[in-house]
Structures are given as structure tokens and as C-alpha cells.
C-alpha atoms as a PDB file:
ATOM      1  CA  UNK A   1       0.000   0.000   0.000  1.00  0.00           C
ATOM      2  CA  UNK A   2       2.890   2.345   0.722  1.00  0.00           C
ATOM      3  CA  UNK A   3       3.926   2.005  -2.904  1.00  0.00           C
ATOM      4  CA  UNK A   4       0.639   3.620  -3.841  1.00  0.00           C
ATOM      5  CA  UNK A   5       1.548   6.615  -1.708  1.00  0.00           C
ATOM      6  CA  UNK A   6       4.731   7.159  -3.681  1.00  0.00           C
ATOM      7  CA  UNK A   7       2.973   6.672  -7.018  1.00  0.00           C
ATOM      8  CA  UNK A   8       0.221   9.160  -6.204  1.00  0.00           C
ATOM      9  CA  UNK A   9       2.715  11.639  -4.736  1.00  0.00           C
ATOM     10  CA  UNK A  10       4.895  11.494  -7.860  1.00  0.00           C
ATOM     11  CA  UNK A  11       1.832  12.317  -9.941  1.00  0.00           C
ATOM     12  CA  UNK A  12       1.078  15.353  -7.776  1.00  0.00           C
ATOM     13  CA  UNK A  13       4.681  16.611  -7.935  1.00  0.00           C
ATOM     14  CA  UNK A  14       4.731  16.173 -11.713  1.00  0.00           C
ATOM     15  CA  UNK A  15       1.510  18.101 -12.254  1.00  0.00           C
ATOM     16  CA  UNK A  16       2.677  20.820  -9.864  1.00  0.00           C
ATOM     17  CA  UNK A  17       5.834  21.297 -11.942  1.00  0.00           C
ATOM     18  CA  UNK A  18       3.784  21.380 -15.139  1.00  0.00           C
ATOM     19  CA  UNK A  19       1.472  24.000 -13.632  1.00  0.00           C
ATOM     20  CA  UNK A  20       4.432  26.173 -12.593  1.00  0.00           C
ATOM     21  CA  UNK A  21       5.934  25.955 -16.076  1.00  0.00           C
ATOM     22  CA  UNK A  22       2.627  26.748 -17.809  1.00  0.00           C
ATOM     23  CA  UNK A  23       2.027  29.662 -15.436  1.00  0.00           C
ATOM     24  CA  UNK A  24       5.444  31.045 -16.343  1.00  0.00           C
ATOM     25  CA  UNK A  25       4.533  30.753 -20.026  1.00  0.00           C
ATOM     26  CA  UNK A  26       1.321  32.686 -19.456  1.00  0.00           C
ATOM     27  CA  UNK A  27       3.093  35.421 -17.530  1.00  0.00           C
ATOM     28  CA  UNK A  28       5.497  35.887 -20.470  1.00  0.00           C
ATOM     29  CA  UNK A  29       2.847  35.844 -23.174  1.00  0.00           C
ATOM     30  CA  UNK A  30       3.623  39.502 -23.958  1.00  0.00           C
ATOM     31  CA  UNK A  31       7.408  39.291 -23.507  1.00  0.00           C
ATOM     32  CA  UNK A  32       9.341  40.131 -26.667  1.00  0.00           C
ATOM     33  CA  UNK A  33      11.082  37.117 -28.174  1.00  0.00           C
ATOM     34  CA  UNK A  34       9.968  34.733 -25.405  1.00  0.00           C
ATOM     35  CA  UNK A  35       9.907  31.041 -26.316  1.00  0.00           C
ATOM     36  CA  UNK A  36       7.362  28.901 -24.508  1.00  0.00           C
ATOM     37  CA  UNK A  37       8.659  25.987 -22.449  1.00  0.00           C
ATOM     38  CA  UNK A  38       7.258  22.537 -23.063  1.00  0.00           C
ATOM     39  CA  UNK A  39       7.586  19.476 -20.829  1.00  0.00           C
ATOM     40  CA  UNK A  40       8.145  15.781 -21.415  1.00  0.00           C
ATOM     41  CA  UNK A  41       6.486  13.550 -18.811  1.00  0.00           C
ATOM     42  CA  UNK A  42       7.827  10.020 -18.472  1.00  0.00           C
ATOM     43  CA  UNK A  43       6.973   7.071 -16.226  1.00  0.00           C
ATOM     44  CA  UNK A  44       9.439   5.380 -13.932  1.00  0.00           C
ATOM     45  CA  UNK A  45      10.370   1.776 -14.861  1.00  0.00           C
ATOM     46  CA  UNK A  46       7.632  -0.683 -13.958  1.00  0.00           C
ATOM     47  CA  UNK A  47       8.176  -3.323 -11.288  1.00  0.00           C
ATOM     48  CA  UNK A  48       7.386  -6.965 -12.009  1.00  0.00           C
ATOM     49  CA  UNK A  49       5.391  -8.415  -9.105  1.00  0.00           C
ATOM     50  CA  UNK A  50       5.791 -12.126  -8.358  1.00  0.00           C
ATOM     51  CA  UNK A  51       3.820 -14.408  -6.027  1.00  0.00           C
ATOM     52  CA  UNK A  52       6.188 -15.539  -3.259  1.00  0.00           C
ATOM     53  CA  UNK A  53       3.711 -16.390  -0.508  1.00  0.00           C
ATOM     54  CA  UNK A  54       1.442 -18.889  -2.257  1.00  0.00           C
ATOM     55  CA  UNK A  55       1.036 -22.575  -1.404  1.00  0.00           C
ATOM     56  CA  UNK A  56       2.229 -23.751  -4.799  1.00  0.00           C
ATOM     57  CA  UNK A  57       5.815 -24.898  -5.012  1.00  0.00           C
ATOM     58  CA  UNK A  58       7.833 -22.591  -7.276  1.00  0.00           C
ATOM     59  CA  UNK A  59       9.507 -24.063 -10.315  1.00  0.00           C
ATOM     60  CA  UNK A  60      13.237 -23.859 -10.871  1.00  0.00           C
ATOM     61  CA  UNK A  61      15.114 -22.482 -13.836  1.00  0.00           C
ATOM     62  CA  UNK A  62      18.120 -24.135 -15.500  1.00  0.00           C
ATOM     63  CA  UNK A  63      20.430 -22.791 -12.778  1.00  0.00           C
ATOM     64  CA  UNK A  64      18.328 -24.274  -9.997  1.00  0.00           C
ATOM     65  CA  UNK A  65      17.027 -20.881  -8.822  1.00  0.00           C
ATOM     66  CA  UNK A  66      13.362 -20.859  -7.704  1.00  0.00           C
ATOM     67  CA  UNK A  67      11.079 -18.970 -10.064  1.00  0.00           C
ATOM     68  CA  UNK A  68       7.827 -17.736  -8.540  1.00  0.00           C
ATOM     69  CA  UNK A  69       4.665 -17.144 -10.526  1.00  0.00           C
ATOM     70  CA  UNK A  70       4.344 -13.670 -11.957  1.00  0.00           C
ATOM     71  CA  UNK A  71       1.438 -11.520 -10.828  1.00  0.00           C
ATOM     72  CA  UNK A  72       1.977  -8.601 -13.219  1.00  0.00           C
ATOM     73  CA  UNK A  73       3.609  -5.217 -13.616  1.00  0.00           C
ATOM     74  CA  UNK A  74       3.262  -2.358 -11.148  1.00  0.00           C
ATOM     75  CA  UNK A  75       3.712   1.263 -12.178  1.00  0.00           C
ATOM     76  CA  UNK A  76       5.980   3.306  -9.898  1.00  0.00           C
ATOM     77  CA  UNK A  77       4.879   6.799 -10.874  1.00  0.00           C
ATOM     78  CA  UNK A  78       5.796   9.561 -13.304  1.00  0.00           C
ATOM     79  CA  UNK A  79       8.222  12.476 -13.458  1.00  0.00           C
ATOM     80  CA  UNK A  80       9.025  15.501 -15.598  1.00  0.00           C
ATOM     81  CA  UNK A  81      11.967  14.379 -17.677  1.00  0.00           C
ATOM     82  CA  UNK A  82      12.885  17.759 -19.173  1.00  0.00           C
ATOM     83  CA  UNK A  83      11.605  21.211 -20.064  1.00  0.00           C
ATOM     84  CA  UNK A  84      12.739  22.633 -23.391  1.00  0.00           C
ATOM     85  CA  UNK A  85      11.857  25.909 -25.142  1.00  0.00           C
ATOM     86  CA  UNK A  86       9.740  25.682 -28.288  1.00  0.00           C
ATOM     87  CA  UNK A  87      11.643  27.622 -30.949  1.00  0.00           C
ATOM     88  CA  UNK A  88       8.819  28.377 -33.350  1.00  0.00           C
ATOM     89  CA  UNK A  89       8.519  31.806 -34.939  1.00  0.00           C
ATOM     90  CA  UNK A  90       6.550  34.394 -32.966  1.00  0.00           C
ATOM     91  CA  UNK A  91       4.409  37.066 -34.603  1.00  0.00           C
ATOM     92  CA  UNK A  92       6.367  40.026 -35.978  1.00  0.00           C
ATOM     93  CA  UNK A  93       4.961  43.355 -34.791  1.00  0.00           C
ATOM     94  CA  UNK A  94       5.923  46.643 -36.432  1.00  0.00           C
ATOM     95  CA  UNK A  95       7.214  49.382 -34.128  1.00  0.00           C
ATOM     96  CA  UNK A  96       8.883  51.793 -36.551  1.00  0.00           C
ATOM     97  CA  UNK A  97      11.937  52.239 -34.291  1.00  0.00           C
ATOM     98  CA  UNK A  98      15.325  51.929 -35.983  1.00  0.00           C
ATOM     99  CA  UNK A  99      16.841  50.119 -33.017  1.00  0.00           C
ATOM    100  CA  UNK A 100      14.134  47.427 -32.965  1.00  0.00           C
ATOM    101  CA  UNK A 101      15.171  44.344 -34.912  1.00  0.00           C
ATOM    102  CA  UNK A 102      13.605  40.964 -35.544  1.00  0.00           C
ATOM    103  CA  UNK A 103      14.729  37.748 -37.199  1.00  0.00           C
ATOM    104  CA  UNK A 104      12.299  36.158 -39.641  1.00  0.00           C
ATOM    105  CA  UNK A 105      12.613  32.400 -40.070  1.00  0.00           C
ATOM    106  CA  UNK A 106      11.666  31.848 -43.680  1.00  0.00           C
ATOM    107  CA  UNK A 107      13.196  28.746 -45.233  1.00  0.00           C
ATOM    108  CA  UNK A 108      15.364  27.280 -42.518  1.00  0.00           C
ATOM    109  CA  UNK A 109      16.327  23.635 -43.139  1.00  0.00           C
ATOM    110  CA  UNK A 110      14.572  20.778 -41.343  1.00  0.00           C
ATOM    111  CA  UNK A 111      16.747  18.778 -38.947  1.00  0.00           C
ATOM    112  CA  UNK A 112      16.677  15.050 -38.202  1.00  0.00           C
ATOM    113  CA  UNK A 113      13.914  15.584 -35.629  1.00  0.00           C
ATOM    114  CA  UNK A 114      11.771  17.040 -38.433  1.00  0.00           C
ATOM    115  CA  UNK A 115      11.888  20.474 -36.831  1.00  0.00           C
ATOM    116  CA  UNK A 116      13.352  23.748 -38.021  1.00  0.00           C
ATOM    117  CA  UNK A 117      16.542  25.130 -36.538  1.00  0.00           C
ATOM    118  CA  UNK A 118      16.750  28.685 -35.244  1.00  0.00           C
ATOM    119  CA  UNK A 119      18.801  31.845 -35.779  1.00  0.00           C
ATOM    120  CA  UNK A 120      19.593  34.203 -32.885  1.00  0.00           C
ATOM    121  CA  UNK A 121      21.335  37.509 -32.215  1.00  0.00           C
ATOM    122  CA  UNK A 122      24.746  37.159 -30.584  1.00  0.00           C
ATOM    123  CA  UNK A 123      25.251  39.297 -27.446  1.00  0.00           C
ATOM    124  CA  UNK A 124      27.813  39.638 -24.671  1.00  0.00           C
ATOM    125  CA  UNK A 125      26.577  39.198 -21.106  1.00  0.00           C
ATOM    126  CA  UNK A 126      27.827  41.062 -18.044  1.00  0.00           C
ATOM    127  CA  UNK A 127      30.657  38.565 -17.488  1.00  0.00           C
ATOM    128  CA  UNK A 128      31.873  38.805 -21.067  1.00  0.00           C
ATOM    129  CA  UNK A 129      30.368  35.462 -22.054  1.00  0.00           C
ATOM    130  CA  UNK A 130      28.763  34.768 -25.410  1.00  0.00           C
ATOM    131  CA  UNK A 131      24.994  34.509 -25.267  1.00  0.00           C
ATOM    132  CA  UNK A 132      22.146  34.479 -27.784  1.00  0.00           C
ATOM    133  CA  UNK A 133      18.691  36.036 -27.873  1.00  0.00           C
ATOM    134  CA  UNK A 134      15.604  36.508 -30.016  1.00  0.00           C
ATOM    135  CA  UNK A 135      14.659  39.723 -28.239  1.00  0.00           C
ATOM    136  CA  UNK A 136      15.638  42.474 -30.676  1.00  0.00           C
ATOM    137  CA  UNK A 137      14.412  45.387 -28.542  1.00  0.00           C
ATOM    138  CA  UNK A 138      17.796  47.102 -28.708  1.00  0.00           C
ATOM    139  CA  UNK A 139      18.893  50.630 -27.842  1.00  0.00           C
ATOM    140  CA  UNK A 140      22.016  52.800 -27.959  1.00  0.00           C
ATOM    141  CA  UNK A 141      23.828  53.485 -24.692  1.00  0.00           C
ATOM    142  CA  UNK A 142      25.611  56.728 -23.818  1.00  0.00           C
ATOM    143  CA  UNK A 143      28.738  55.655 -25.686  1.00  0.00           C
ATOM    144  CA  UNK A 144      26.898  54.700 -28.859  1.00  0.00           C
ATOM    145  CA  UNK A 145      27.009  50.939 -28.392  1.00  0.00           C
ATOM    146  CA  UNK A 146      24.025  48.854 -29.472  1.00  0.00           C
ATOM    147  CA  UNK A 147      22.752  47.062 -26.366  1.00  0.00           C
ATOM    148  CA  UNK A 148      19.965  44.776 -25.160  1.00  0.00           C
ATOM    149  CA  UNK A 149      17.282  45.927 -22.662  1.00  0.00           C
ATOM    150  CA  UNK A 150      19.571  44.627 -19.893  1.00  0.00           C
ATOM    151  CA  UNK A 151      22.534  46.665 -21.135  1.00  0.00           C
ATOM    152  CA  UNK A 152      24.448  43.793 -22.742  1.00  0.00           C
ATOM    153  CA  UNK A 153      26.420  44.509 -25.906  1.00  0.00           C
ATOM    154  CA  UNK A 154      25.019  43.343 -29.236  1.00  0.00           C
ATOM    155  CA  UNK A 155      27.869  41.750 -31.208  1.00  0.00           C
ATOM    156  CA  UNK A 156      28.845  41.880 -34.867  1.00  0.00           C
ATOM    157  CA  UNK A 157      29.888  38.903 -36.970  1.00  0.00           C
ATOM    158  CA  UNK A 158      33.407  39.173 -35.497  1.00  0.00           C
ATOM    159  CA  UNK A 159      31.989  38.883 -31.955  1.00  0.00           C
ATOM    160  CA  UNK A 160      32.777  42.536 -31.197  1.00  0.00           C
ATOM    161  CA  UNK A 161      30.414  45.171 -29.719  1.00  0.00           C
ATOM    162  CA  UNK A 162      28.663  47.296 -32.348  1.00  0.00           C
ATOM    163  CA  UNK A 163      29.305  51.044 -31.997  1.00  0.00           C
ATOM    164  CA  UNK A 164      27.268  53.500 -34.049  1.00  0.00           C
ATOM    165  CA  UNK A 165      27.315  57.263 -34.579  1.00  0.00           C
ATOM    166  CA  UNK A 166      23.572  57.691 -34.023  1.00  0.00           C
ATOM    167  CA  UNK A 167      20.262  55.874 -34.230  1.00  0.00           C
ATOM    168  CA  UNK A 168      19.847  56.963 -37.853  1.00  0.00           C
ATOM    169  CA  UNK A 169      21.174  53.747 -39.316  1.00  0.00           C
ATOM    170  CA  UNK A 170      19.768  51.139 -41.663  1.00  0.00           C
ATOM    171  CA  UNK A 171      19.807  47.361 -41.329  1.00  0.00           C
ATOM    172  CA  UNK A 172      19.409  45.359 -44.515  1.00  0.00           C
ATOM    173  CA  UNK A 173      17.605  42.030 -44.773  1.00  0.00           C
ATOM    174  CA  UNK A 174      21.001  40.318 -44.836  1.00  0.00           C
ATOM    175  CA  UNK A 175      22.046  41.840 -41.481  1.00  0.00           C
ATOM    176  CA  UNK A 176      24.374  44.575 -42.757  1.00  0.00           C
ATOM    177  CA  UNK A 177      24.327  47.870 -40.797  1.00  0.00           C
ATOM    178  CA  UNK A 178      24.638  50.994 -42.931  1.00  0.00           C
ATOM    179  CA  UNK A 179      25.348  54.535 -41.769  1.00  0.00           C
ATOM    180  CA  UNK A 180      24.650  56.699 -44.764  1.00  0.00           C
ATOM    181  CA  UNK A 181      25.775  54.531 -47.667  1.00  0.00           C
ATOM    182  CA  UNK A 182      28.685  52.945 -45.793  1.00  0.00           C
ATOM    183  CA  UNK A 183      28.504  49.536 -44.161  1.00  0.00           C
ATOM    184  CA  UNK A 184      29.959  49.907 -40.681  1.00  0.00           C
ATOM    185  CA  UNK A 185      29.076  46.518 -39.211  1.00  0.00           C
ATOM    186  CA  UNK A 186      27.192  43.288 -39.702  1.00  0.00           C
ATOM    187  CA  UNK A 187      24.984  41.780 -37.054  1.00  0.00           C
ATOM    188  CA  UNK A 188      26.358  38.694 -35.348  1.00  0.00           C
ATOM    189  CA  UNK A 189      23.768  35.965 -35.904  1.00  0.00           C
ATOM    190  CA  UNK A 190      24.257  32.390 -34.722  1.00  0.00           C
ATOM    191  CA  UNK A 191      22.540  29.332 -36.149  1.00  0.00           C
ATOM    192  CA  UNK A 192      21.458  26.262 -34.215  1.00  0.00           C
ATOM    193  CA  UNK A 193      20.301  23.271 -36.224  1.00  0.00           C
ATOM    194  CA  UNK A 194      18.714  21.698 -33.121  1.00  0.00           C
ATOM    195  CA  UNK A 195      18.070  24.436 -30.522  1.00  0.00           C
ATOM    196  CA  UNK A 196      16.200  22.093 -28.155  1.00  0.00           C
ATOM    197  CA  UNK A 197      19.407  20.168 -27.482  1.00  0.00           C
ATOM    198  CA  UNK A 198      22.039  22.816 -28.249  1.00  0.00           C
ATOM    199  CA  UNK A 199      20.648  25.795 -26.294  1.00  0.00           C
ATOM    200  CA  UNK A 200      19.764  26.391 -22.643  1.00  0.00           C
ATOM    201  CA  UNK A 201      17.864  29.314 -21.120  1.00  0.00           C
ATOM    202  CA  UNK A 202      20.135  31.659 -19.176  1.00  0.00           C
ATOM    203  CA  UNK A 203      17.685  34.255 -17.860  1.00  0.00           C
ATOM    204  CA  UNK A 204      16.648  37.701 -19.137  1.00  0.00           C
ATOM    205  CA  UNK A 205      15.689  36.311 -22.537  1.00  0.00           C
ATOM    206  CA  UNK A 206      19.177  34.936 -23.153  1.00  0.00           C
ATOM    207  CA  UNK A 207      20.327  31.491 -24.230  1.00  0.00           C
ATOM    208  CA  UNK A 208      23.715  29.869 -23.988  1.00  0.00           C
ATOM    209  CA  UNK A 209      25.064  27.002 -26.004  1.00  0.00           C
ATOM    210  CA  UNK A 210      25.593  23.687 -24.223  1.00  0.00           C
ATOM    211  CA  UNK A 211      29.149  23.540 -22.820  1.00  0.00           C
ATOM    212  CA  UNK A 212      29.409  27.269 -23.692  1.00  0.00           C
ATOM    213  CA  UNK A 213      30.350  26.391 -27.253  1.00  0.00           C
ATOM    214  CA  UNK A 214      29.989  29.004 -29.966  1.00  0.00           C
ATOM    215  CA  UNK A 215      27.189  28.538 -32.477  1.00  0.00           C
ATOM    216  CA  UNK A 216      28.225  28.651 -36.143  1.00  0.00           C
ATOM    217  CA  UNK A 217      27.587  31.892 -37.992  1.00  0.00           C
ATOM    218  CA  UNK A 218      24.237  31.877 -39.773  1.00  0.00           C
ATOM    219  CA  UNK A 219      25.856  33.585 -42.757  1.00  0.00           C
ATOM    220  CA  UNK A 220      28.305  30.718 -43.249  1.00  0.00           C
ATOM    221  CA  UNK A 221      25.953  27.852 -42.312  1.00  0.00           C
ATOM    222  CA  UNK A 222      22.968  29.014 -44.352  1.00  0.00           C
ATOM    223  CA  UNK A 223      22.391  30.336 -47.818  1.00  0.00           C
ATOM    224  CA  UNK A 224      19.441  32.577 -47.085  1.00  0.00           C
ATOM    225  CA  UNK A 225      16.614  30.994 -45.139  1.00  0.00           C
ATOM    226  CA  UNK A 226      16.189  33.985 -42.817  1.00  0.00           C
ATOM    227  CA  UNK A 227      16.097  37.772 -42.924  1.00  0.00           C
ATOM    228  CA  UNK A 228      16.520  40.709 -40.556  1.00  0.00           C
ATOM    229  CA  UNK A 229      13.594  43.097 -40.170  1.00  0.00           C
ATOM    230  CA  UNK A 230      14.314  46.633 -38.939  1.00  0.00           C
ATOM    231  CA  UNK A 231      11.513  48.404 -37.102  1.00  0.00           C
ATOM    232  CA  UNK A 232       9.924  45.106 -36.026  1.00  0.00           C
ATOM    233  CA  UNK A 233       9.891  43.019 -32.865  1.00  0.00           C
ATOM    234  CA  UNK A 234       9.135  39.328 -32.514  1.00  0.00           C
ATOM    235  CA  UNK A 235       6.360  38.593 -30.066  1.00  0.00           C
ATOM    236  CA  UNK A 236       6.087  35.617 -27.754  1.00  0.00           C
ATOM    237  CA  UNK A 237       5.112  32.276 -29.311  1.00  0.00           C
ATOM    238  CA  UNK A 238       2.908  31.346 -26.330  1.00  0.00           C
ATOM    239  CA  UNK A 239      -0.494  30.018 -27.418  1.00  0.00           C
ATOM    240  CA  UNK A 240      -2.615  31.405 -24.588  1.00  0.00           C
ATOM    241  CA  UNK A 241      -5.736  29.337 -25.310  1.00  0.00           C
ATOM    242  CA  UNK A 242      -3.798  26.094 -25.471  1.00  0.00           C
ATOM    243  CA  UNK A 243      -1.794  26.989 -22.372  1.00  0.00           C
ATOM    244  CA  UNK A 244      -4.959  27.659 -20.363  1.00  0.00           C
ATOM    245  CA  UNK A 245      -6.385  24.301 -21.478  1.00  0.00           C
ATOM    246  CA  UNK A 246      -3.198  22.499 -20.451  1.00  0.00           C
ATOM    247  CA  UNK A 247      -3.218  24.293 -17.095  1.00  0.00           C
ATOM    248  CA  UNK A 248      -6.752  23.068 -16.410  1.00  0.00           C
ATOM    249  CA  UNK A 249      -5.752  19.537 -17.427  1.00  0.00           C
ATOM    250  CA  UNK A 250      -2.714  19.642 -15.120  1.00  0.00           C
ATOM    251  CA  UNK A 251      -4.867  20.909 -12.261  1.00  0.00           C
ATOM    252  CA  UNK A 252      -7.429  18.114 -12.745  1.00  0.00           C
ATOM    253  CA  UNK A 253      -4.665  15.497 -12.852  1.00  0.00           C
ATOM    254  CA  UNK A 254      -3.186  16.936  -9.657  1.00  0.00           C
ATOM    255  CA  UNK A 255      -6.617  16.805  -8.034  1.00  0.00           C
ATOM    256  CA  UNK A 256      -7.094  13.149  -9.070  1.00  0.00           C
ATOM    257  CA  UNK A 257      -3.738  12.105  -7.610  1.00  0.00           C
ATOM    258  CA  UNK A 258      -4.603  14.018  -4.448  1.00  0.00           C
ATOM    259  CA  UNK A 259      -7.867  12.065  -4.020  1.00  0.00           C
ATOM    260  CA  UNK A 260      -6.010   8.766  -4.531  1.00  0.00           C
ATOM    261  CA  UNK A 261      -3.530   9.817  -1.836  1.00  0.00           C
ATOM    262  CA  UNK A 262      -6.387  10.662   0.529  1.00  0.00           C
ATOM    263  CA  UNK A 263      -7.981   7.261  -0.123  1.00  0.00           C
ATOM    264  CA  UNK A 264      -4.715   5.508   0.750  1.00  0.00           C
ATOM    265  CA  UNK A 265      -4.473   7.613   3.908  1.00  0.00           C
ATOM    266  CA  UNK A 266      -7.974   6.586   5.011  1.00  0.00           C
ATOM    267  CA  UNK A 267      -7.190   2.922   4.352  1.00  0.00           C
ATOM    268  CA  UNK A 268      -4.054   3.103   6.456  1.00  0.00           C
ATOM    269  CA  UNK A 269      -5.961   4.918   9.180  1.00  0.00           C
ATOM    270  CA  UNK A 270      -8.449   2.066   9.356  1.00  0.00           C
ATOM    271  CA  UNK A 271      -5.710  -0.540   9.292  1.00  0.00           C
ATOM    272  CA  UNK A 272      -3.894   1.091  12.238  1.00  0.00           C
ATOM    273  CA  UNK A 273      -6.746   2.324  14.409  1.00  0.00           C
ATOM    274  CA  UNK A 274      -9.520  -0.212  13.732  1.00  0.00           C
ATOM    275  CA  UNK A 275      -8.068  -3.477  12.469  1.00  0.00           C
ATOM    276  CA  UNK A 276      -5.212  -3.198  14.964  1.00  0.00           C
ATOM    277  CA  UNK A 277      -7.677  -3.291  17.882  1.00  0.00           C
ATOM    278  CA  UNK A 278      -8.776  -6.796  16.960  1.00  0.00           C
END
């Protein structure tokens, strides 16, 4: 009976984690460039139950070891195996600001998992590390450097901070930055063929490559397939209706596991306080 406690409790913990993740998605539904997290729920290995207390004499295998009759398999609960961002394209919204940039996934190749890869802006975090983002809500700091909302430097294709004379610049579809008719920089854009396994969330809308490896340049890895849109921002890819439905489903599953746990508790209460008196 105690096994049932653990099984029901694992179901409650799993649904609680799903609810927390879905709630976080809903709270970021209007966050620029946010990628919704999705979970994978798996079951623990099943246990094979055998009859060891019956009156029948167990048979022996070729090694002379007793083999008891098999009763069946017993599930041992579920758990959240992983939570990965969903890197689908969000809706592009026009802002008209020169410093607002968005990446449009147009004809990116399909990977072995039958999903598209992703392209991301390269930025430098506060510790000087290389990070990536889809949030193109950039601005110019007091020294003329192009920065993220958190003040991190936006990098060019040589992984150097981009410094501009003013906000009157033009960004072409191919990522080139023009001041007047002169190209002064080119946006650093990384390409991940399988972002679910190659990228990890690092807070503040940033991602880092697994093992802090550098993503290949999108210009070298791709021949087209994406474009840069100036005066646009990419919205969140959270599907609010679907997320609300999944939240209700997670809540109902949590409630069901809770009732099973309460039933086990009542059974144990009877076994201890009533049956024990006899």
C-alpha cells in the first residue's frame, strides 16, 4: 500500500511542476522574443510483481534458482523528464523604431527531428560570455554601443560590440548595418540546427550554447533561409488558449492524484486504528 503513496505523490509533484511551467509561459505571453517551455512527462520503470507467498511450489530455472509465478507489472509513478523551449517563430509586430530588430525564419532547413533550426542575435553578457537572444528590442547606450534591454552589448559577426554614430542607421535584410551609404558593421547571428538540445535558457531572454560552445555563424551555415527586419519586434510564441487548457488539465490530474492519496491515507488509518484493535 505504501507504494501507492509514492505513485500518487509522484503524480502530484509532476503536475505541480507542469502547472508552474505553464504559469510562467502565461506570464510571459507579452514578452518580446519569449519562447514557450514545453515538458516531457515520463513514467518510472515498472516493477514486475511475483507471487512468493502462495502454497504452490515454485519451479526452478536451468540454474536451480526458484522462479515464482508472476502476478503482473506495477507502475511506480511519473516524473518531468525535461523542459525545453519551443523555438517556433513568434508574430512580428511593427514598431517603426530603428533600433528594434527581428529575425524572420523563412526557409530554414529541417533537422533530423523534423523540426526547423533557429537563428539568434549574438550578445555579450555582463561577465563577457557569449549569449544568444531573439529579443531584438535594442537601444544605444551613452557611448553609442548597441545594447539589449539589460545593457548587454550586441555583437557583430566578429563577436565585437557594435558602436554607431547615431540611431539613424539602416539594417538590410542580410544583417548589414549601414550609416549613410557605408557599411559599418554586420549583425552577429548564430545558427542552431537543433536548438532544443544545443541551447539552454540563461535568464533575461538569453540562451547559452551547451558547454558554452559558440554557435556557427548563420551567414556561413545558411544560404538565405532567414532575414533581418528593422523596425519590427518578434512577439512571444505562447499560445494562450492552449496553455490555459493544459493548465486546467494539469490541475485536474493533480486533483485526481490528491484524491487517490487521501484514499490511501484513510485505508491506512483504518488498518492502524480499527483493524489493529482486533
